[in-house]
Protein backbone atom coordinates (compact mmCIF):
# COMPACT_ATOMS: atom_id res chain seq x y z
CA MET A 1 98.83 54.72 117.43
CA SER A 2 95.81 53.17 119.21
CA ARG A 3 92.37 52.70 117.68
CA SER A 4 90.97 55.48 119.88
CA ASP A 5 93.63 57.84 118.55
CA ASP A 6 92.70 56.87 115.00
CA ILE A 7 89.01 57.51 115.66
CA LEU A 8 89.80 60.92 117.17
CA LYS A 9 91.96 61.77 114.16
CA VAL A 10 89.18 60.69 111.77
CA HIS A 11 86.60 62.91 113.47
CA ARG A 12 88.95 65.91 113.61
CA LEU A 13 89.74 65.61 109.92
CA ALA A 14 86.08 65.20 108.99
CA HIS A 15 85.18 68.32 110.99
CA ALA A 16 88.08 70.54 109.90
CA GLY A 17 88.96 69.38 106.39
CA GLY A 18 85.88 67.61 105.12
CA SER A 19 85.71 64.45 103.03
CA THR A 20 88.76 65.28 100.90
CA ALA A 21 91.12 65.64 103.89
CA LEU A 22 89.76 62.47 105.50
CA LEU A 23 90.16 60.35 102.35
CA GLU A 24 93.68 61.66 101.73
CA TRP A 25 94.74 60.78 105.29
CA LEU A 26 93.24 57.27 105.03
CA ALA A 27 95.10 56.66 101.76
CA SER A 28 98.37 57.89 103.24
CA HIS A 29 97.94 56.02 106.52
CA LEU A 30 97.01 52.72 104.86
CA GLY A 31 99.41 53.03 101.94
CA GLY A 32 96.86 52.39 99.20
CA TRP A 33 94.04 53.83 97.11
CA VAL A 34 91.04 55.09 99.12
CA ALA A 35 87.99 56.88 97.69
CA VAL A 36 84.21 57.09 97.62
CA VAL A 37 82.78 55.10 94.70
CA ASP A 38 79.33 55.42 93.16
CA PRO A 39 78.80 52.38 90.89
CA GLU A 40 76.41 54.35 88.65
CA ALA A 41 78.78 57.30 88.13
CA GLU A 42 81.81 57.69 85.92
CA HIS A 43 85.12 56.74 87.59
CA GLY A 44 87.82 56.98 84.96
CA SER A 45 90.73 56.62 87.40
CA ALA A 46 89.17 54.18 89.90
CA PRO A 47 90.49 50.62 89.99
CA GLU A 48 88.18 48.18 88.26
CA ALA A 49 87.99 46.00 91.38
CA ALA A 50 86.64 48.93 93.43
CA VAL A 51 83.93 49.82 90.90
CA ARG A 52 82.93 46.19 90.39
CA GLY A 53 82.94 45.54 94.13
CA ALA A 54 80.78 48.63 94.85
CA ALA A 55 78.20 47.43 92.32
CA GLU A 56 78.25 43.93 93.84
CA LEU A 57 77.82 45.34 97.35
CA GLY A 58 74.68 47.20 96.29
CA ALA A 59 73.30 44.27 94.34
CA ARG A 60 73.68 41.88 97.30
CA GLY A 61 72.38 44.41 99.83
CA VAL A 62 75.25 43.93 102.28
CA ARG A 63 77.04 46.63 104.29
CA SER A 64 80.66 45.50 103.87
CA ALA A 65 82.80 43.09 101.90
CA VAL A 66 86.39 42.16 101.09
CA LEU A 67 87.45 41.08 97.59
CA HIS A 68 90.79 39.26 97.43
CA GLY A 69 92.93 39.51 94.31
CA ALA A 70 96.27 38.02 93.35
CA ASP A 71 98.33 40.74 95.03
CA CYS A 72 95.79 43.15 96.55
CA ALA A 73 92.59 43.28 98.57
CA THR A 74 89.60 45.56 98.02
CA LEU A 75 87.79 46.56 101.23
CA LEU A 76 84.27 47.94 100.79
CA PHE A 77 81.97 49.69 103.28
CA ALA A 78 78.50 50.94 102.35
CA LEU A 79 77.67 54.60 102.92
CA ASP A 80 74.31 56.28 102.34
CA GLY A 81 72.53 55.64 99.06
CA ARG A 82 74.62 53.84 96.43
CA ARG A 83 77.98 55.18 97.54
CA VAL A 84 80.69 52.98 98.95
CA LEU A 85 83.92 53.69 100.80
CA ALA A 86 86.47 51.61 98.89
CA ALA A 87 90.13 50.90 99.66
CA VAL A 88 92.47 48.93 97.38
CA LEU A 89 95.49 47.81 99.42
CA GLU A 90 98.47 45.65 98.56
CA GLN A 91 98.78 42.31 100.32
CA PRO A 92 99.54 41.97 103.13
CA HIS A 93 97.63 45.13 104.07
CA HIS A 94 97.70 47.02 107.36
CA PRO A 95 96.14 44.75 110.02
CA ASP A 96 94.00 47.56 111.43
CA ALA A 97 92.70 48.62 107.99
CA PRO A 98 89.23 46.98 108.23
CA ALA A 99 88.53 48.44 111.67
CA LEU A 100 89.83 51.89 110.68
CA LEU A 101 87.75 52.01 107.49
CA ALA A 102 84.66 50.82 109.39
CA ASP A 103 85.21 53.54 112.00
CA ALA A 104 85.71 56.17 109.26
CA ALA A 105 82.59 55.21 107.30
CA VAL A 106 80.15 56.81 109.74
CA PRO A 107 81.76 60.29 110.01
CA LEU A 108 82.56 60.18 106.29
CA GLY A 109 78.91 59.55 105.46
CA LEU A 110 77.86 62.44 107.70
CA VAL A 111 80.35 64.88 106.24
CA LEU A 112 79.40 63.88 102.68
CA ARG A 113 75.75 64.65 103.45
CA ALA A 114 76.73 67.97 105.02
CA GLU A 115 78.80 68.90 101.97
CA GLU A 116 75.93 68.02 99.64
CA ALA A 117 73.56 70.11 101.75
CA GLY A 118 75.98 73.01 101.53
CA ARG A 119 76.18 72.68 97.76
CA ARG A 120 72.38 72.55 97.51
CA GLU A 121 72.10 75.61 99.73
CA GLU A 122 74.59 77.46 97.53
CA ARG A 123 72.63 76.50 94.41
CA VAL A 124 69.41 77.71 96.03
CA ARG A 125 71.10 80.96 97.07
CA ARG A 126 72.37 81.56 93.55
CA ALA A 127 69.00 80.71 92.04
CA GLU A 128 67.23 83.13 94.37
CA GLY A 129 69.78 85.83 93.57
CA GLN A 130 69.24 85.31 89.85
CA ALA A 131 65.46 85.38 90.31
CA ARG A 132 65.69 88.64 92.25
CA GLU A 133 67.91 90.07 89.54
CA ALA A 134 65.32 88.97 86.97
CA VAL A 135 62.64 90.87 88.90
CA LEU A 136 64.85 93.96 88.76
CA HIS A 137 65.24 93.55 84.98
CA LEU A 138 61.46 93.20 84.60
CA LEU A 139 60.87 96.36 86.61
CA MET A 140 63.41 98.30 84.60
CA ASN A 141 61.73 97.21 81.36
CA GLY A 142 58.17 97.89 82.48
CA TRP A 143 56.94 94.29 82.98
CA LEU A 144 55.27 94.99 86.32
CA SER A 145 52.75 92.14 86.28
CA THR A 146 55.41 89.45 85.78
CA ALA A 147 57.68 91.14 88.32
CA HIS A 148 54.88 91.04 90.92
CA GLN A 149 54.25 87.34 90.25
CA ILE A 150 57.89 86.33 90.75
CA ALA A 151 58.35 88.65 93.71
CA GLY A 152 55.22 87.26 95.38
CA THR A 153 56.72 83.77 95.17
CA LEU A 154 60.07 84.77 96.63
CA GLY A 155 58.79 87.38 99.07
CA PRO A 156 58.39 90.03 100.19
CA ALA A 157 55.89 91.77 97.93
CA LEU A 158 57.23 94.67 95.90
CA PRO A 159 56.44 97.97 97.64
CA ASP A 160 54.33 100.47 95.70
CA PRO A 161 54.94 103.36 96.21
CA MET A 162 58.56 102.95 97.16
CA ARG A 163 61.92 104.55 97.62
CA MET A 164 64.96 103.03 95.96
CA TYR A 165 68.30 102.91 97.76
CA VAL A 166 71.69 102.26 96.20
CA VAL A 167 74.03 101.14 98.97
CA GLU A 168 77.76 101.12 98.26
CA CYS A 169 79.42 98.53 100.51
CA PRO A 170 83.05 97.65 101.20
CA THR A 171 84.31 94.73 99.16
CA GLY A 172 82.98 91.43 100.44
CA ARG A 173 80.39 92.92 102.81
CA ARG A 174 77.25 92.94 100.65
CA ALA A 175 75.76 89.91 102.40
CA GLU A 176 76.31 91.48 105.82
CA VAL A 177 74.74 94.79 104.76
CA ALA A 178 71.82 92.96 103.13
CA ARG A 179 71.13 91.17 106.44
CA LEU A 180 71.26 94.50 108.25
CA CYS A 181 68.82 96.00 105.76
CA ARG A 182 66.38 93.10 106.23
CA GLU A 183 66.52 93.60 109.99
CA LEU A 184 65.98 97.36 109.75
CA THR A 185 62.95 96.96 107.48
CA ASP A 186 61.43 93.92 109.25
CA GLY A 187 61.87 91.95 106.03
CA ARG A 188 59.66 94.32 103.98
CA ALA A 189 62.42 95.57 101.64
CA TRP A 190 63.19 93.99 98.28
CA ILE A 191 66.98 93.60 98.16
CA VAL A 192 68.99 92.80 95.02
CA ARG A 193 72.73 92.54 94.48
CA CYS A 194 73.53 94.96 91.69
CA PRO A 195 74.39 92.95 88.56
CA VAL A 196 76.77 95.68 87.34
CA TYR A 197 78.64 97.07 90.35
CA VAL A 198 79.96 94.37 92.66
CA ARG A 199 79.95 96.69 95.70
CA HIS A 200 76.36 97.89 95.29
CA LEU A 201 73.08 96.70 96.78
CA ILE A 202 69.78 97.89 95.33
CA VAL A 203 66.97 98.16 97.86
CA LEU A 204 63.29 98.88 97.22
CA ALA A 205 61.62 99.80 100.48
CA PRO A 206 58.23 101.20 101.51
CA PRO A 207 58.56 104.94 102.07
CA ALA A 208 58.90 106.17 105.63
CA PRO A 209 56.14 108.35 107.09
CA ALA A 210 55.89 111.77 105.47
CA ALA A 211 58.55 114.23 106.57
CA GLY A 212 59.73 117.62 105.54
CA ALA A 213 61.92 118.08 102.50
CA ALA A 214 64.93 118.74 104.69
CA ALA A 215 64.36 115.68 106.86
CA GLY A 216 66.74 112.79 106.65
CA ASP A 217 65.88 109.25 105.63
CA PRO A 218 65.52 106.89 108.61
CA LEU A 219 66.59 103.76 106.73
CA ALA A 220 69.63 105.42 105.17
CA GLU A 221 70.65 106.85 108.53
CA ALA A 222 70.29 103.46 110.21
CA LEU A 223 72.23 101.69 107.46
CA VAL A 224 75.14 104.11 107.77
CA GLU A 225 74.99 103.88 111.55
CA GLY A 226 75.16 100.08 111.38
CA ALA A 227 77.78 99.97 108.61
CA ARG A 228 79.79 103.17 108.85
CA ASP A 229 81.97 102.44 105.83
CA CYS A 230 78.91 102.37 103.51
CA ALA A 231 77.40 105.19 101.47
CA VAL A 232 73.71 105.36 100.61
CA GLY A 233 71.87 107.20 97.83
CA VAL A 234 68.10 107.54 98.13
CA SER A 235 65.51 108.27 95.44
CA GLY A 236 62.36 110.27 95.84
CA GLU A 237 59.09 108.57 96.67
CA LEU A 238 57.90 107.09 93.37
CA ALA A 239 55.46 104.57 92.00
CA LEU A 240 56.84 101.13 91.21
CA ASN A 241 56.41 101.68 87.46
CA GLU A 242 58.96 104.51 87.79
CA ALA A 243 61.72 102.12 88.90
CA PRO A 244 64.19 103.24 86.15
CA THR A 245 63.81 106.86 87.27
CA ALA A 246 64.15 105.83 90.90
CA TYR A 247 67.40 103.98 90.19
CA THR A 248 68.88 106.97 88.36
CA GLN A 249 67.89 109.28 91.20
CA ALA A 250 69.38 106.99 93.85
CA PHE A 251 72.59 106.60 91.87
CA HIS A 252 72.98 110.37 91.52
CA ALA A 253 72.29 110.76 95.25
CA LEU A 254 75.04 108.20 95.94
CA ALA A 255 77.54 110.47 94.16
CA VAL A 256 76.63 113.19 96.67
CA ALA A 257 76.68 110.79 99.64
CA ARG A 258 80.28 109.72 98.97
CA GLY A 259 81.50 113.24 99.71
CA SER A 260 79.08 113.93 102.55
CA ALA A 261 79.96 113.66 106.22
CA ASP A 262 76.62 111.93 106.78
CA ARG A 263 77.47 109.28 104.13
CA HIS A 264 73.87 109.32 102.84
CA ALA A 265 71.90 111.67 100.62
CA ARG A 266 68.43 111.91 99.13
CA PHE A 267 67.99 112.90 95.50
CA GLY A 268 67.63 116.65 95.24
CA PRO A 269 64.41 118.00 93.76
CA GLY A 270 64.61 119.22 90.20
CA PRO A 271 62.69 119.28 86.93
CA GLU A 272 62.34 115.97 85.11
CA LEU A 273 63.49 116.01 81.49
CA ALA A 274 61.03 113.33 80.32
CA LEU A 275 58.07 115.32 81.68
CA ALA A 276 59.26 118.58 80.16
CA ALA A 277 59.98 117.00 76.76
CA HIS A 278 57.09 114.56 76.44
CA GLU A 279 54.60 116.68 74.51
CA ALA A 280 57.16 118.25 72.20
CA GLY A 281 59.34 115.17 71.75
CA ALA A 282 57.13 112.08 71.70
CA ALA A 283 56.57 112.09 67.92
CA TRP A 284 60.27 112.77 67.25
CA ALA A 285 61.29 109.92 69.54
CA GLU A 286 58.90 107.46 67.88
CA ALA A 287 60.24 108.42 64.45
CA LEU A 288 63.85 108.04 65.56
CA LEU A 289 63.30 104.62 67.14
CA ALA A 290 60.85 103.22 64.57
CA PRO A 291 63.54 101.19 62.75
CA LEU A 292 64.52 99.66 66.10
CA HIS A 293 60.96 98.90 67.22
CA THR A 294 60.03 97.32 63.89
CA TYR A 295 63.26 95.40 63.37
CA ALA A 296 62.83 91.66 62.79
CA PRO A 297 66.03 89.57 62.84
CA ARG A 298 66.78 87.21 59.97
CA ARG A 299 67.59 84.32 62.30
CA PRO A 300 65.56 83.26 65.37
CA GLN A 301 68.65 83.27 67.59
CA ASP A 302 69.52 86.90 66.77
CA PRO A 303 68.28 89.75 68.99
CA GLY A 304 65.01 91.40 68.03
CA GLY A 305 63.97 94.99 68.36
CA GLN A 306 63.05 94.80 72.05
CA GLU A 307 66.34 93.13 72.94
CA LEU A 308 68.26 95.74 70.97
CA ARG A 309 66.35 98.46 72.79
CA ALA A 310 67.30 96.90 76.13
CA THR A 311 70.91 96.70 74.94
CA ALA A 312 70.92 100.39 74.00
CA HIS A 313 69.43 101.35 77.35
CA ALA A 314 71.94 99.23 79.29
CA TRP A 315 74.91 100.57 77.33
CA LEU A 316 73.87 104.21 77.70
CA ASN A 317 73.56 103.71 81.45
CA PHE A 318 76.58 101.48 82.10
CA THR A 319 78.85 101.69 79.00
CA SER A 320 81.16 98.66 78.91
CA HIS A 321 79.75 97.33 82.21
CA ALA A 322 76.51 96.58 80.34
CA THR A 323 77.96 93.14 79.58
CA ARG A 324 77.41 92.21 83.25
CA LEU A 325 73.82 93.41 83.15
CA LEU A 326 72.97 91.76 79.83
CA LYS A 327 75.03 88.60 80.52
CA VAL A 328 76.70 88.79 77.11
CA HIS A 329 80.30 88.82 75.85
CA ARG A 330 81.84 92.19 75.03
CA ASN A 331 82.05 91.20 71.35
CA THR A 332 78.31 90.48 71.37
CA LEU A 333 77.65 93.88 72.91
CA ALA A 334 79.83 95.58 70.29
CA ALA A 335 78.03 93.76 67.46
CA ARG A 336 74.63 94.79 68.81
CA LEU A 337 75.72 98.42 69.11
CA ARG A 338 76.93 98.41 65.50
CA LEU A 339 73.53 97.08 64.44
CA ILE A 340 71.74 99.77 66.47
CA GLU A 341 73.91 102.44 64.86
CA ALA A 342 73.12 101.09 61.39
CA LEU A 343 69.38 100.91 62.06
CA LEU A 344 69.10 104.39 63.54
CA GLY A 345 71.79 106.20 61.55
CA LEU A 346 73.65 107.23 64.70
CA ASP A 347 77.29 107.35 65.73
CA LEU A 348 77.29 106.24 69.35
CA ALA A 349 80.90 107.30 69.84
CA ARG A 350 79.58 110.89 69.84
CA LEU A 351 77.92 112.29 72.91
CA ALA A 352 75.27 114.18 70.90
CA ASP A 353 73.95 110.96 69.38
CA GLN A 354 74.09 109.21 72.77
CA ALA A 355 72.05 112.04 74.29
CA ALA A 356 69.48 111.89 71.49
CA LEU A 357 69.07 108.14 71.88
CA SER A 358 68.84 108.44 75.68
CA LEU A 359 66.06 111.02 75.41
CA ALA A 360 64.18 109.03 72.76
CA LEU A 361 64.26 105.88 74.89
CA ARG A 362 62.80 107.79 77.84
CA LEU A 363 59.99 109.24 75.72
CA THR A 364 58.81 105.93 74.24
CA SER A 365 57.45 102.73 75.66
CA GLY A 366 59.25 100.45 73.22
CA ALA A 367 56.08 98.63 72.15
CA GLY A 368 56.63 97.79 68.50
CA PRO A 369 53.97 96.89 65.95
CA GLY A 370 54.49 93.14 66.33
CA PRO A 371 56.91 90.33 65.66
CA GLY A 372 55.96 90.07 62.00
CA ALA A 373 56.89 93.64 61.12
CA GLY A 374 59.78 94.31 58.80
CA ALA A 375 62.83 96.36 59.49
CA GLY A 376 61.26 99.49 58.07
CA PRO A 377 63.03 102.50 56.62
CA GLY A 378 65.79 104.31 58.41
CA PRO A 379 65.10 107.59 60.19
CA GLY A 380 64.44 110.60 58.06
CA PRO A 381 66.70 113.62 58.01
CA GLY A 382 64.61 115.30 60.65
CA ALA A 383 64.96 112.46 63.13
CA ARG A 384 68.71 112.06 63.35
CA ALA A 385 70.83 113.79 65.98
CA GLY A 386 74.46 114.39 65.06
CA ALA A 387 77.30 115.76 67.11
CA GLY A 388 79.24 118.74 65.97
CA SER A 389 82.71 119.85 66.97
CA GLY A 390 84.38 122.93 68.29
CA GLY A 391 83.75 124.79 71.52
CA ALA A 392 79.99 124.14 71.75
CA PRO A 393 78.73 120.92 73.28
CA GLY A 394 77.60 119.82 69.81
CA THR A 395 75.07 120.48 67.11
CA ALA A 396 71.99 118.48 66.30
CA ALA A 397 69.89 117.92 63.21
CA PRO A 398 66.57 119.80 62.94
CA GLY A 399 64.39 117.06 64.46
CA LEU A 400 66.00 117.15 67.88
CA ASP A 401 66.64 120.88 67.66
CA ASP A 402 62.94 121.48 67.13
CA VAL A 403 62.19 119.56 70.32
CA LEU A 404 64.85 121.41 72.30
CA ARG A 405 63.53 124.82 71.12
CA ASP A 406 60.24 124.21 72.92
CA PRO A 407 59.85 126.80 75.74
CA ARG A 408 59.30 124.03 78.29
CA LEU A 409 62.70 122.56 77.38
CA THR A 410 64.28 125.98 77.60
CA ASP A 411 62.91 126.45 81.12
CA TRP A 412 64.07 122.94 82.07
CA ALA A 413 67.57 123.59 80.70
CA ARG A 414 68.00 126.87 82.56
CA ALA A 415 66.85 125.30 85.82
CA HIS A 416 69.08 122.27 85.24
CA LEU A 417 72.17 124.42 84.60
CA SER A 418 71.49 127.15 87.16
CA GLY A 419 73.74 125.55 89.74
CA LEU A 420 76.77 125.95 87.46
CA SER A 421 76.48 129.74 87.68
CA GLY A 422 75.17 130.06 91.23
CA PRO A 423 77.00 131.50 94.22
CA ASP A 424 78.18 128.06 95.35
CA ALA A 425 79.68 127.14 91.99
CA PRO A 426 83.47 126.83 91.82
CA PRO A 427 85.23 129.18 89.38
CA GLY A 428 84.98 128.06 85.78
CA ALA A 429 82.37 125.37 86.48
CA ARG A 430 80.34 126.20 83.37
CA ASP A 431 83.44 126.22 81.12
CA THR A 432 84.68 122.95 82.62
CA VAL A 433 81.40 121.17 81.90
CA ARG A 434 81.01 122.71 78.45
CA THR A 435 84.54 121.67 77.44
CA TRP A 436 84.04 118.16 78.81
CA LEU A 437 80.79 117.77 76.88
CA ALA A 438 82.31 119.18 73.69
CA HIS A 439 84.88 116.38 73.81
CA ASP A 440 82.28 113.61 74.19
CA ALA A 441 82.72 113.48 77.98
CA GLN A 442 86.30 112.25 77.59
CA LEU A 443 88.66 113.44 80.32
CA VAL A 444 91.96 113.35 78.44
CA PRO A 445 91.13 115.77 75.57
CA ALA A 446 89.02 117.95 77.87
CA ALA A 447 91.91 118.29 80.34
CA ALA A 448 94.25 119.25 77.51
CA VAL A 449 91.95 122.07 76.37
CA LEU A 450 91.39 123.26 79.94
CA GLY A 451 95.16 123.29 80.52
CA VAL A 452 95.03 121.01 83.57
CA SER A 453 96.09 117.45 84.31
CA VAL A 454 93.62 114.59 83.95
CA PRO A 455 93.44 114.17 87.78
CA GLY A 456 92.85 117.92 88.00
CA ALA A 457 89.96 117.73 85.53
CA ARG A 458 88.54 114.77 87.44
CA LYS A 459 88.68 116.72 90.71
CA ARG A 460 86.85 119.63 89.08
CA LEU A 461 84.08 117.36 87.86
CA THR A 462 83.87 115.65 91.26
CA ARG A 463 83.23 119.04 92.88
CA ILE A 464 80.60 119.76 90.24
CA GLU A 465 78.91 116.41 90.99
CA ALA A 466 78.29 117.60 94.55
CA LEU A 467 77.08 120.95 93.24
CA LEU A 468 74.59 119.46 90.76
CA GLU A 469 73.75 116.46 92.97
CA ARG A 470 74.27 114.28 89.90
CA SER A 471 76.81 111.60 89.02
CA LEU A 472 79.06 112.65 86.13
CA LEU A 473 82.11 110.40 86.18
CA GLN A 474 80.44 107.08 87.00
CA SER A 475 77.57 105.62 85.02
CA PRO A 476 74.64 106.15 85.04
CA SER A 477 75.94 109.64 84.37
CA ALA A 478 74.07 112.91 83.92
CA ARG A 479 76.22 113.72 80.88
CA HIS A 480 73.36 113.11 78.43
CA ASP A 481 71.00 115.48 80.23
CA LEU A 482 73.77 118.07 80.54
CA TRP A 483 74.43 117.90 76.79
CA LEU A 484 70.74 118.33 76.03
CA ALA A 485 70.45 121.22 78.51
CA HIS A 486 73.44 123.05 76.99
CA ARG A 487 72.05 122.53 73.49
CA ALA A 488 68.58 123.78 74.49
CA GLU A 489 70.11 126.85 76.13
CA GLU A 490 72.26 127.48 73.08
CA LEU A 491 69.23 127.28 70.78
CA ALA A 492 67.35 129.74 72.98
CA GLY A 493 70.07 132.26 72.24
């Protein structure tokens, strides 16, 4: 093979296979050891002559050298920085080896720089993704000032007011859909890869010009038009400090969009539980969560009250997937949940206690009395919510029952459940939901009581999702609000 053929081969390998393919071919072609050596790095498997020669090359400031040993020769060619292309070949070595290595040094140096640039770009991309995820966490936990500061650095600014979009993409297409979203919004949307669901994008965008309630959403329509295998759920127009509510709304709308021919849906109007329950339930919620808000860990590395609160919120919304959101091991999550149960006197395996905790978290800000506060007493008898058994969704202790007896909660519950008895409701919708709630939102025992298969029960609940315009089977689920609504209606007689 001629020298020109060798040069062509070197350039093709550098372009198609990178530095690894090129070095492997050189070693095979020359019948020796060929690698890139950095004299200041660790090289456990590199021949001593190559490491020593690379250091000597840098110290003398020369571009190439040959070190002759008893039965081998070490050929050295300087690359960029401290790195050296080194070949250790048995004597007599291939006569064209020096020329071939000299010809390979230039493309090898270029491809090494390109690979390093690619790695740096990937690190920057990951760092930006993590920073954007951090902004989302700050928004969800009410730290708006810090969220604005980080967002202002990364760009664009966080929109306020805004609509939140949850876009469900085909596997592996989130980057493509994110680019489409940036184009459609002229770069004004804040786009985050969902830390929990690997197919979801979360988008905060400035609201479109005012339109009627029945009007569609221009961004959602354009996203579906540009990526027809996506589904988009859209929140109402909300202030930025209502980001948790906006996410829940968009997620519920996504459940409707999946079954819609349009593949997008806006959250349906309806009464907000937190608004209806605030006056009657604020004191109860503070009493229930006081042991959590005042908890001080024994060791500095253990989670404090605010971290436990965030854990509870993440688990109620995402169940076992909360490990992805919190970046903790499942055993760590389980240990934190046991601690929360012990502090609050709850059994989080029961839907009634989950619903009570969910409502209490929404009615409080989570601002505890300070880091020096003690753990405090457990909740009193009037603060605890306990699940019952039998045909009813559950029973609750007097504290929560007193809140749910408030006439405003009764009105909210009847409005929330009206769709289950309306003309569009499938037969037995109310009984299906009531049975599902009575069995802690578990499909298997609920299906057994209903006398249907588990897939049959799932299909029933999927139809009810479209009816209520709320997600039931995938978290964040409306199961907590449904339990509270059934209990409030039951207490109203």
